[in-house]
Amino acid sequence: LVQSHMGSIHLLPALPKAWPTGNVKGLCARGGFEVELRWENGRLVQAVIHSKAGLPCRVAYGDRKWEFTTVAGKSYPLSLAEGAPRR
């Protein structure tokens, strides 16, 4: 559901077809991040990154990419709306 390597967090890189709709909280990613996801019909509809360490964060989902600074203890919802600006 989440893969973190080479400085990036990849969301839903290999979602099983048996799980077309679902959600998860508390997935740990490298760099001191915790990930919360919700997907419907095999597509991500909500993602929140929780920073534990305050390090810079890079996230990818398909061809979408976000890069932002974080503060320890803060949460960062990602904009997934079609046509929304990328961070």
Protein backbone atom coordinates (compact mmCIF):
# COMPACT_ATOMS: atom_id res chain seq x y z
CA LEU A 1 0.00 0.00 0.00
CA VAL A 2 2.97 2.31 0.68
CA GLN A 3 6.56 2.07 -0.43
CA SER A 4 9.22 4.44 0.84
CA HIS A 5 12.70 4.43 -0.64
CA MET A 6 15.21 6.79 -2.23
CA GLY A 7 13.73 9.73 -0.32
CA SER A 8 10.14 9.38 -1.60
CA ILE A 9 6.90 7.89 -0.32
CA HIS A 10 4.95 6.09 -3.06
CA LEU A 11 1.21 5.71 -2.43
CA LEU A 12 -0.69 2.59 -3.59
CA PRO A 13 2.13 1.28 -5.81
CA ALA A 14 0.59 -2.22 -5.91
CA LEU A 15 -3.02 -2.16 -4.73
CA PRO A 16 -4.47 -5.70 -4.84
CA LYS A 17 -7.48 -6.03 -7.16
CA ALA A 18 -9.28 -7.81 -4.30
CA TRP A 19 -9.27 -4.49 -2.37
CA PRO A 20 -10.98 -2.02 -4.77
CA THR A 21 -12.18 0.16 -1.89
CA GLY A 22 -10.65 0.63 1.54
CA ASN A 23 -8.69 2.73 3.97
CA VAL A 24 -5.72 2.42 6.25
CA LYS A 25 -4.10 4.50 9.00
CA GLY A 26 -0.76 4.26 10.72
CA LEU A 27 1.47 3.01 7.91
CA CYS A 28 5.08 3.95 8.69
CA ALA A 29 7.33 5.44 6.02
CA ARG A 30 11.02 6.28 6.11
CA GLY A 31 11.95 9.72 7.34
CA GLY A 32 9.64 9.66 10.34
CA PHE A 33 6.31 9.79 8.48
CA GLU A 34 3.00 8.06 9.13
CA VAL A 35 0.56 7.65 6.24
CA GLU A 36 -3.24 7.58 6.16
CA LEU A 37 -5.01 6.57 2.92
CA ARG A 38 -8.52 6.06 1.56
CA TRP A 39 -9.24 4.69 -1.92
CA GLU A 40 -12.37 3.93 -3.93
CA ASN A 41 -12.67 1.88 -7.13
CA GLY A 42 -8.90 1.37 -7.10
CA ARG A 43 -8.13 5.11 -7.02
CA LEU A 44 -6.74 7.17 -4.18
CA VAL A 45 -9.30 9.69 -2.87
CA GLN A 46 -7.66 10.85 0.36
CA ALA A 47 -4.10 10.92 1.69
CA VAL A 48 -2.69 12.50 4.82
CA ILE A 49 0.99 12.52 5.77
CA HIS A 50 1.76 12.87 9.48
CA SER A 51 5.28 14.11 10.26
CA LYS A 52 6.98 12.68 13.33
CA ALA A 53 10.46 14.15 12.75
CA GLY A 54 9.91 17.39 10.83
CA LEU A 55 11.95 16.38 7.79
CA PRO A 56 11.27 17.42 4.17
CA CYS A 57 8.74 15.13 2.47
CA ARG A 58 8.39 13.88 -1.11
CA VAL A 59 5.31 11.91 -2.12
CA ALA A 60 4.31 10.27 -5.41
CA TYR A 61 1.05 8.74 -6.62
CA GLY A 62 1.02 7.69 -10.25
CA ASP A 63 2.27 10.72 -12.18
CA ARG A 64 1.38 13.15 -9.34
CA LYS A 65 4.17 14.43 -7.10
CA TRP A 66 4.28 16.61 -3.99
CA GLU A 67 7.29 18.02 -2.18
CA PHE A 68 7.03 20.07 1.00
CA THR A 69 8.72 20.92 4.28
CA THR A 70 7.16 19.58 7.47
CA VAL A 71 7.04 20.34 11.18
CA ALA A 72 7.16 17.50 13.71
CA GLY A 73 3.69 16.70 15.01
CA LYS A 74 1.82 18.31 12.09
CA SER A 75 -0.36 16.61 9.47
CA TYR A 76 -0.42 17.34 5.75
CA PRO A 77 -3.47 16.39 3.65
CA LEU A 78 -2.60 16.03 -0.04
CA SER A 79 -4.81 17.64 -2.67
CA LEU A 80 -6.02 14.89 -4.99
CA ALA A 81 -8.72 16.85 -6.85
CA GLU A 82 -8.44 16.76 -10.63
CA GLY A 83 -6.84 19.94 -11.87
CA ALA A 84 -5.67 20.98 -8.42
CA PRO A 85 -2.18 22.48 -8.29
CA ARG A 86 0.55 20.11 -7.26
CA ARG A 87 2.62 20.91 -4.22
